[in-house]
Protein backbone atom coordinates (compact mmCIF):
# COMPACT_ATOMS: atom_id res chain seq x y z
CA UNK A 1 2.55 -46.37 -6.32
CA UNK A 2 -0.07 -48.53 -4.69
CA UNK A 3 0.83 -51.27 -2.16
CA UNK A 4 -1.29 -53.50 0.14
CA UNK A 5 -2.24 -52.01 3.47
CA UNK A 6 -1.62 -55.45 5.03
CA UNK A 7 0.93 -57.47 3.17
CA UNK A 8 -0.59 -60.60 4.68
CA UNK A 9 -3.63 -59.78 2.48
CA UNK A 10 -1.96 -58.81 -0.82
CA UNK A 11 -5.33 -58.53 -2.67
CA UNK A 12 -6.97 -56.44 0.05
CA UNK A 13 -7.15 -52.74 0.61
CA UNK A 14 -4.32 -50.62 -0.75
CA UNK A 15 -2.49 -47.46 0.21
CA UNK A 16 -0.14 -45.22 -1.71
CA UNK A 17 3.63 -44.75 -1.28
CA UNK A 18 4.94 -41.47 -2.74
CA UNK A 19 8.41 -41.64 -4.26
CA UNK A 20 10.73 -39.71 -6.41
CA UNK A 21 13.69 -40.64 -8.61
CA UNK A 22 16.86 -38.60 -9.39
CA UNK A 23 18.39 -40.33 -12.41
CA UNK A 24 22.10 -41.02 -12.50
CA UNK A 25 23.88 -38.01 -14.01
CA UNK A 26 26.45 -40.23 -15.69
CA UNK A 27 24.24 -42.94 -17.41
CA UNK A 28 27.32 -44.75 -18.86
CA UNK A 29 28.63 -45.25 -15.33
CA UNK A 30 25.31 -45.94 -13.73
CA UNK A 31 25.43 -48.77 -11.18
CA UNK A 32 21.72 -49.13 -10.38
CA UNK A 33 19.11 -47.85 -7.98
CA UNK A 34 19.97 -46.62 -4.47
CA UNK A 35 17.04 -46.28 -2.06
CA UNK A 36 17.60 -43.89 0.78
CA UNK A 37 15.77 -43.06 3.98
CA UNK A 38 16.63 -40.23 6.40
CA UNK A 39 15.05 -41.76 9.49
CA UNK A 40 12.81 -40.15 12.08
CA UNK A 41 10.74 -42.22 12.11
CA UNK A 42 8.62 -39.68 10.23
CA UNK A 43 11.10 -37.91 8.06
CA UNK A 44 10.43 -37.51 4.34
CA UNK A 45 12.63 -39.55 1.99
CA UNK A 46 11.09 -37.74 -0.90
CA UNK A 47 12.41 -34.37 0.25
CA UNK A 48 15.92 -35.81 0.90
CA UNK A 49 16.17 -36.70 -2.78
CA UNK A 50 13.96 -34.09 -4.35
CA UNK A 51 16.59 -31.29 -4.13
CA UNK A 52 19.57 -33.49 -5.02
CA UNK A 53 21.74 -31.79 -7.54
CA UNK A 54 20.96 -28.38 -6.17
CA UNK A 55 22.69 -26.30 -3.45
CA UNK A 56 20.03 -27.67 -1.02
CA UNK A 57 20.80 -31.25 -1.89
CA UNK A 58 21.63 -33.92 0.72
CA UNK A 59 23.66 -36.25 -1.48
CA UNK A 60 26.93 -35.55 -3.27
CA UNK A 61 27.66 -35.41 -6.99
CA UNK A 62 29.76 -38.55 -6.49
CA UNK A 63 26.61 -40.57 -5.66
CA UNK A 64 24.39 -38.79 -8.12
CA UNK A 65 26.66 -39.78 -10.94
CA UNK A 66 26.59 -43.51 -10.23
CA UNK A 67 23.04 -44.16 -9.00
CA UNK A 68 19.45 -43.51 -9.64
CA UNK A 69 18.59 -42.05 -6.16
CA UNK A 70 15.13 -43.17 -4.99
CA UNK A 71 13.45 -41.36 -2.08
CA UNK A 72 10.14 -42.41 -0.65
CA UNK A 73 7.97 -41.34 2.21
CA UNK A 74 7.19 -44.44 4.21
CA UNK A 75 3.56 -45.54 4.42
CA UNK A 76 1.37 -43.34 6.69
CA UNK A 77 3.98 -40.55 6.66
CA UNK A 78 3.98 -37.20 4.93
CA UNK A 79 2.87 -37.57 1.25
CA UNK A 80 2.25 -41.33 1.68
CA UNK A 81 -1.26 -40.86 3.12
CA UNK A 82 -0.13 -39.38 6.39
CA UNK A 83 -2.07 -40.93 9.28
CA UNK A 84 -3.79 -38.31 11.43
CA UNK A 85 -4.55 -38.73 15.12
CA UNK A 86 -6.36 -36.72 17.75
CA UNK A 87 -3.25 -34.91 19.04
CA UNK A 88 -5.23 -32.95 21.68
CA UNK A 89 -5.18 -36.15 23.68
CA UNK A 90 -1.46 -35.84 24.05
CA UNK A 91 -1.87 -32.50 25.81
CA UNK A 92 -3.58 -34.22 28.72
CA UNK A 93 -0.82 -36.86 29.27
CA UNK A 94 1.53 -36.73 32.29
CA UNK A 95 4.83 -36.14 30.54
CA UNK A 96 6.80 -37.85 33.39
CA UNK A 97 4.54 -39.91 35.64
CA UNK A 98 5.31 -39.35 39.35
CA UNK A 99 3.13 -42.07 40.85
CA UNK A 100 1.05 -45.16 40.01
CA UNK A 101 -2.05 -43.15 39.24
CA UNK A 102 -0.21 -40.87 36.75
CA UNK A 103 1.39 -43.95 35.12
CA UNK A 104 -2.01 -45.50 34.62
CA UNK A 105 -3.41 -42.35 33.30
CA UNK A 106 -0.58 -42.22 30.79
CA UNK A 107 -1.33 -45.70 29.70
CA UNK A 108 -5.05 -45.01 29.32
CA UNK A 109 -4.45 -41.83 27.25
CA UNK A 110 -1.85 -43.59 25.05
CA UNK A 111 -4.41 -46.19 24.28
CA UNK A 112 -7.04 -43.55 23.58
CA UNK A 113 -4.56 -41.77 21.23
CA UNK A 114 -3.89 -45.00 19.37
CA UNK A 115 -7.63 -45.61 18.88
CA UNK A 116 -7.95 -42.09 17.45
CA UNK A 117 -5.18 -42.89 14.90
CA UNK A 118 -7.06 -46.11 13.90
CA UNK A 119 -10.32 -44.12 13.60
CA UNK A 120 -8.78 -41.38 11.47
CA UNK A 121 -6.22 -43.41 9.56
CA UNK A 122 -8.00 -46.76 9.28
CA UNK A 123 -6.10 -50.10 9.13
CA UNK A 124 -3.01 -48.35 7.78
CA UNK A 125 -2.35 -47.00 11.27
CA UNK A 126 -1.72 -50.62 12.44
CA UNK A 127 0.71 -51.42 9.63
CA UNK A 128 3.40 -48.77 9.70
CA UNK A 129 6.11 -50.87 11.21
CA UNK A 130 9.48 -51.60 9.62
CA UNK A 131 8.56 -54.97 8.10
CA UNK A 132 5.68 -53.52 6.07
CA UNK A 133 7.86 -50.66 4.84
CA UNK A 134 10.59 -53.12 3.86
CA UNK A 135 8.02 -55.05 1.75
CA UNK A 136 6.98 -51.72 0.14
CA UNK A 137 10.71 -51.19 -0.64
CA UNK A 138 10.75 -54.50 -2.58
CA UNK A 139 7.65 -53.45 -4.44
CA UNK A 140 9.60 -50.29 -5.42
CA UNK A 141 12.45 -52.42 -6.57
CA UNK A 142 10.11 -54.52 -8.72
CA UNK A 143 8.42 -51.52 -10.16
CA UNK A 144 11.78 -50.04 -11.20
CA UNK A 145 12.66 -53.34 -12.94
CA UNK A 146 15.78 -53.80 -10.74
CA UNK A 147 17.10 -57.28 -9.94
CA UNK A 148 18.92 -55.83 -6.82
CA UNK A 149 19.02 -52.54 -5.02
CA UNK A 150 21.47 -50.72 -2.86
CA UNK A 151 20.19 -49.02 0.36
CA UNK A 152 21.51 -46.18 2.49
CA UNK A 153 19.66 -45.70 5.75
CA UNK A 154 20.30 -42.91 8.22
CA UNK A 155 19.24 -43.09 11.84
CA UNK A 156 15.84 -44.90 12.10
CA UNK A 157 16.22 -45.58 8.37
CA UNK A 158 18.74 -48.24 9.41
CA UNK A 159 15.84 -50.28 10.82
CA UNK A 160 14.30 -50.41 7.31
CA UNK A 161 17.63 -51.63 5.90
CA UNK A 162 17.92 -54.36 8.54
CA UNK A 163 14.28 -55.49 7.90
CA UNK A 164 14.92 -55.59 4.15
CA UNK A 165 18.04 -57.70 4.75
CA UNK A 166 16.06 -60.17 6.73
CA UNK A 167 13.31 -60.51 4.13
CA UNK A 168 15.16 -60.17 0.87
CA UNK A 169 18.91 -60.82 1.40
CA UNK A 170 19.50 -61.85 -2.27
CA UNK A 171 17.95 -58.70 -3.62
CA UNK A 172 20.55 -56.39 -1.89
CA UNK A 173 23.60 -55.26 -3.72
CA UNK A 174 24.82 -53.05 -0.86
CA UNK A 175 23.62 -52.05 2.63
CA UNK A 176 25.00 -49.01 4.36
CA UNK A 177 23.65 -48.15 7.80
CA UNK A 178 24.61 -44.62 8.97
CA UNK A 179 24.06 -44.14 12.75
CA UNK A 180 22.58 -47.42 13.43
CA UNK A 181 19.54 -48.05 15.68
CA UNK A 182 19.90 -51.13 17.94
CA UNK A 183 17.87 -53.63 15.90
CA UNK A 184 18.50 -56.54 18.31
CA UNK A 185 15.27 -55.87 20.17
CA UNK A 186 16.35 -53.66 23.03
CA UNK A 187 14.23 -53.61 26.20
CA UNK A 188 13.13 -50.26 27.62
CA UNK A 189 15.83 -50.41 30.22
CA UNK A 190 18.55 -51.10 27.67
CA UNK A 191 17.48 -48.22 25.41
CA UNK A 192 17.28 -45.82 28.34
CA UNK A 193 20.62 -46.96 29.77
CA UNK A 194 22.53 -46.73 26.46
CA UNK A 195 21.21 -43.24 25.81
CA UNK A 196 21.76 -41.88 29.33
CA UNK A 197 25.27 -43.33 29.64
CA UNK A 198 26.24 -41.77 26.27
CA UNK A 199 24.90 -38.39 27.44
CA UNK A 200 26.79 -38.78 30.72
CA UNK A 201 30.01 -39.45 28.86
CA UNK A 202 29.44 -36.33 26.78
CA UNK A 203 29.12 -34.30 29.99
CA UNK A 204 32.43 -35.64 31.15
CA UNK A 205 33.87 -34.74 27.73
CA UNK A 206 32.54 -31.25 28.13
CA UNK A 207 34.11 -31.02 31.58
CA UNK A 208 37.48 -32.11 30.19
CA UNK A 209 37.23 -29.50 27.40
CA UNK A 210 36.46 -26.75 29.97
CA UNK A 211 39.55 -27.62 31.96
CA UNK A 212 41.85 -26.79 29.04
CA UNK A 213 39.97 -24.15 26.94
CA UNK A 214 40.14 -20.54 27.96
CA UNK A 215 36.88 -19.75 26.23
CA UNK A 216 34.85 -21.88 28.68
CA UNK A 217 32.27 -19.73 30.58
CA UNK A 218 32.75 -22.10 33.52
CA UNK A 219 36.51 -21.95 33.62
CA UNK A 220 37.89 -23.12 37.02
CA UNK A 221 34.76 -25.13 37.83
CA UNK A 222 33.98 -28.83 37.45
CA UNK A 223 31.24 -28.83 34.81
CA UNK A 224 29.74 -32.08 36.04
CA UNK A 225 29.57 -30.63 39.60
CA UNK A 226 27.79 -27.61 38.11
CA UNK A 227 25.26 -29.92 36.41
CA UNK A 228 24.71 -31.75 39.70
CA UNK A 229 24.20 -28.37 41.51
CA UNK A 230 21.67 -27.18 38.90
CA UNK A 231 19.80 -30.55 39.22
CA UNK A 232 19.64 -30.15 42.99
CA UNK A 233 18.21 -26.63 42.65
CA UNK A 234 15.68 -27.90 40.12
CA UNK A 235 14.61 -30.70 42.55
CA UNK A 236 14.33 -28.10 45.28
CA UNK A 237 12.19 -25.75 43.16
CA UNK A 238 14.81 -22.93 43.30
CA UNK A 239 16.16 -23.00 39.72
CA UNK A 240 14.84 -20.22 37.63
CA UNK A 241 14.93 -19.23 34.00
CA UNK A 242 17.63 -16.67 33.65
CA UNK A 243 16.98 -13.17 32.31
CA UNK A 244 19.05 -10.25 31.02
CA UNK A 245 19.30 -8.69 34.50
CA UNK A 246 18.99 -11.73 36.78
CA UNK A 247 16.77 -14.69 37.50
CA UNK A 248 13.13 -14.50 36.34
CA UNK A 249 10.21 -15.88 38.39
CA UNK A 250 9.78 -18.83 36.05
CA UNK A 251 10.71 -22.13 37.59
CA UNK A 252 12.83 -24.69 35.77
CA UNK A 253 11.74 -28.18 36.76
CA UNK A 254 14.12 -31.16 36.85
CA UNK A 255 12.27 -32.58 33.80
CA UNK A 256 12.88 -29.35 31.85
CA UNK A 257 16.55 -29.36 32.92
CA UNK A 258 16.85 -32.97 31.72
CA UNK A 259 15.40 -32.12 28.35
CA UNK A 260 17.68 -29.07 28.18
CA UNK A 261 20.78 -31.30 28.90
CA UNK A 262 19.66 -33.82 26.27
CA UNK A 263 19.54 -31.03 23.65
CA UNK A 264 22.77 -29.29 24.53
CA UNK A 265 24.82 -32.42 25.03
CA UNK A 266 23.56 -34.06 21.87
CA UNK A 267 24.18 -30.98 19.75
CA UNK A 268 27.56 -30.55 21.42
CA UNK A 269 28.74 -27.05 20.81
CA UNK A 270 30.98 -26.77 23.98
CA UNK A 271 31.36 -23.04 24.14
CA UNK A 272 27.71 -22.31 23.79
CA UNK A 273 26.73 -25.16 26.20
CA UNK A 274 29.05 -23.72 28.82
CA UNK A 275 27.55 -20.31 28.37
CA UNK A 276 24.04 -21.64 28.85
CA UNK A 277 25.02 -23.64 31.92
CA UNK A 278 26.72 -20.56 33.34
CA UNK A 279 23.54 -18.51 32.69
CA UNK A 280 21.48 -21.13 34.65
CA UNK A 281 23.98 -21.07 37.45
CA UNK A 282 24.09 -17.24 37.78
CA UNK A 283 20.51 -16.48 36.67
CA UNK A 284 21.79 -13.99 34.13
CA UNK A 285 21.84 -14.62 30.46
CA UNK A 286 19.88 -16.58 27.87
CA UNK A 287 18.93 -20.26 27.73
CA UNK A 288 16.99 -22.16 25.09
CA UNK A 289 14.72 -24.87 26.33
CA UNK A 290 13.25 -27.46 23.95
CA UNK A 291 9.62 -27.02 23.15
CA UNK A 292 7.25 -29.99 23.64
CA UNK A 293 6.15 -31.50 20.37
CA UNK A 294 4.26 -34.73 20.32
CA UNK A 295 4.20 -36.69 17.05
CA UNK A 296 2.02 -39.80 17.24
CA UNK A 297 3.72 -41.13 14.00
CA UNK A 298 6.62 -42.08 16.10
CA UNK A 299 4.45 -44.20 18.38
CA UNK A 300 2.74 -45.88 15.43
CA UNK A 301 6.18 -47.01 14.25
CA UNK A 302 8.27 -47.44 17.34
CA UNK A 303 5.75 -49.28 19.45
CA UNK A 304 5.28 -51.89 16.69
CA UNK A 305 8.99 -52.33 15.95
CA UNK A 306 10.07 -52.47 19.61
CA UNK A 307 8.87 -53.99 22.84
CA UNK A 308 9.26 -51.19 25.33
CA UNK A 309 6.39 -52.31 27.58
CA UNK A 310 6.86 -51.90 31.35
CA UNK A 311 4.67 -53.86 33.67
CA UNK A 312 3.70 -51.13 36.12
CA UNK A 313 4.82 -47.97 37.91
CA UNK A 314 6.96 -49.92 40.36
CA UNK A 315 8.91 -51.43 37.60
CA UNK A 316 9.19 -48.05 35.80
CA UNK A 317 10.57 -46.48 38.98
CA UNK A 318 13.02 -49.23 39.51
CA UNK A 319 14.32 -48.92 35.96
CA UNK A 320 14.55 -45.15 36.29
CA UNK A 321 16.66 -45.49 39.42
CA UNK A 322 19.07 -47.97 37.81
CA UNK A 323 19.46 -45.73 34.76
CA UNK A 324 20.13 -42.69 36.93
CA UNK A 325 22.69 -44.64 38.83
CA UNK A 326 24.49 -45.64 35.56
CA UNK A 327 24.41 -41.98 34.41
CA UNK A 328 24.52 -39.89 37.61
CA UNK A 329 25.11 -36.48 36.10
CA UNK A 330 22.42 -36.48 33.40
CA UNK A 331 19.97 -39.02 35.00
CA UNK A 332 18.18 -39.87 31.83
CA UNK A 333 18.04 -39.28 28.05
CA UNK A 334 14.84 -37.26 27.49
CA UNK A 335 14.35 -38.45 23.91
CA UNK A 336 14.70 -42.15 24.77
CA UNK A 337 12.39 -41.71 27.72
CA UNK A 338 9.76 -40.01 25.46
CA UNK A 339 10.03 -43.13 23.17
CA UNK A 340 9.49 -45.55 26.05
CA UNK A 341 6.70 -43.74 27.79
CA UNK A 342 4.91 -43.27 24.44
CA UNK A 343 4.59 -47.08 24.17
CA UNK A 344 3.04 -47.73 27.65
CA UNK A 345 -0.55 -48.86 27.15
CA UNK A 346 -0.21 -48.82 23.29
CA UNK A 347 -2.81 -51.33 22.17
CA UNK A 348 -1.08 -52.40 18.96
CA UNK A 349 1.31 -55.05 20.14
CA UNK A 350 4.98 -55.17 18.96
CA UNK A 351 5.34 -57.17 15.81
CA UNK A 352 7.87 -60.04 16.01
CA UNK A 353 11.01 -59.67 13.88
CA UNK A 354 10.66 -61.52 10.58
CA UNK A 355 12.58 -64.72 10.30
CA UNK A 356 15.75 -64.41 8.32
CA UNK A 357 15.16 -65.58 4.76
CA UNK A 358 17.73 -67.90 3.04
CA UNK A 359 20.20 -66.24 0.82
CA UNK A 360 23.57 -64.56 0.82
CA UNK A 361 23.86 -60.96 1.95
CA UNK A 362 26.46 -58.61 0.66
CA UNK A 363 29.04 -57.29 3.15
CA UNK A 364 27.22 -54.67 5.29
CA UNK A 365 28.76 -51.39 6.20
CA UNK A 366 27.83 -49.68 9.55
CA UNK A 367 29.13 -46.31 10.62
CA UNK A 368 28.53 -44.67 14.02
CA UNK A 369 29.88 -41.89 16.23
CA UNK A 370 31.47 -42.87 19.54
CA UNK A 371 29.19 -40.35 21.22
CA UNK A 372 25.66 -40.44 19.72
CA UNK A 373 22.80 -40.40 22.22
CA UNK A 374 20.20 -40.92 19.44
CA UNK A 375 21.90 -44.12 18.22
CA UNK A 376 24.46 -45.07 20.94
CA UNK A 377 27.43 -47.06 19.93
CA UNK A 378 26.61 -50.16 21.96
CA UNK A 379 23.38 -50.60 19.84
CA UNK A 380 25.29 -50.04 16.64
CA UNK A 381 27.76 -52.72 17.65
CA UNK A 382 24.89 -55.16 18.34
CA UNK A 383 23.35 -54.36 14.96
CA UNK A 384 26.58 -54.91 13.12
CA UNK A 385 27.20 -58.10 14.99
CA UNK A 386 23.95 -59.57 13.97
CA UNK A 387 24.93 -59.70 10.26
CA UNK A 388 27.04 -62.60 8.99
CA UNK A 389 29.55 -60.21 7.50
CA UNK A 390 29.65 -56.56 8.56
CA UNK A 391 32.27 -53.91 9.18
CA UNK A 392 31.70 -51.11 11.70
CA UNK A 393 33.46 -47.79 11.29
CA UNK A 394 33.49 -45.75 14.50
CA UNK A 395 34.20 -42.05 14.36
CA UNK A 396 35.47 -40.34 17.54
CA UNK A 397 33.06 -37.50 17.66
CA UNK A 398 29.83 -36.34 19.12
CA UNK A 399 27.48 -36.45 16.15
CA UNK A 400 24.45 -38.14 14.52
CA UNK A 401 24.17 -39.00 10.82
CA UNK A 402 27.70 -39.12 9.70
CA UNK A 403 27.02 -38.81 5.97
CA UNK A 404 26.89 -35.10 6.80
CA UNK A 405 30.48 -35.24 8.02
CA UNK A 406 32.64 -34.48 5.08
CA UNK A 407 35.53 -36.60 6.51
CA UNK A 408 33.38 -39.65 6.90
CA UNK A 409 31.23 -39.39 3.77
CA UNK A 410 33.85 -40.81 1.38
CA UNK A 411 33.96 -44.06 3.33
CA UNK A 412 30.14 -44.50 2.95
CA UNK A 413 30.19 -43.54 -0.73
CA UNK A 414 33.18 -45.77 -1.55
CA UNK A 415 31.44 -48.78 0.06
CA UNK A 416 28.23 -48.14 -1.90
CA UNK A 417 30.09 -47.86 -5.22
CA UNK A 418 32.17 -50.98 -4.47
CA UNK A 419 30.83 -52.99 -1.54
CA UNK A 420 33.34 -55.79 -1.96
CA UNK A 421 36.29 -53.40 -2.34
């Protein structure tokens, strides 16, 4: 369907939003339309619904019976006129600036990247933030002929739900936010601190597991002390990629080790994580390091929805030191730091949150893991607390997107079916 590129100019240029509908399998018990978004930003909502009802489906028969599931690719993403940028520019960026000159280079190249997005993608590149997508969602509602919709957002999809609630409260029947992003405008420091502290707590959780589980490859050692030791070796330039017969000649930098920690602690498979840490310690074994992948789509969305701007390198260094002090074993959350650095020098300024429209909201349901570096619990609490009436279900686990947890899924589905129950 076609929607305005700029909702402030409803009769101006248009763009297309690609969507798919999976009709309720029990028409007599159909409740209405349920819009879903898997997050990202940048993930395809079309694909999350397209395979519903098959063995590859995301959503359960319980939801499929009661709702028409509506999946859409947000504007500028995937099938909805994906915005292209000159990604070769990203290859020249300092991934982690070490001085004022590198910080300024990063800012300059981010600005150059943004301009390439505008050149290739036109005005659409400047209108991919959550508010515009929420307005597209209401256009979808109107096209479907629905008086109200229900919405289930996962991860960054929760931002879209929050924006819709601000703009169109009386058109919401139910709003479920699974693994909620902090929508109360976090600063760069708060985003970095929440993520790093969560990872640090997971490292302690791993250490506690290792003390009691015989399968731990680091049995008898303090896992957090091992992490500290590996960081010290990376700082000194003596940490090497392990091989089958001993250390290779390939150096592991402290930034690579931080990215490795973010991956293994977020995924949280204790036995495998301990084995990889043991391999790094001994130099013998196998370790998987995350590959660098730069997706400008994230910047086009995140840098408009959030104000992560940092004044200069001196402020960046001071923030980094405070975050490392709050999370001494892991130092920082690599994903959160990627988000923050990606917004330095971004020329499209953050868009103010829309004013809360008048009208009654339904009770909102928020669910979050106690240990989720991608959407840390403190941020989920802030988001839930910003609604007039919301309940927050916390699940004591290390996980992200809890609809995939079979023990938690029924709570989300029961709410969507009966939000006032």
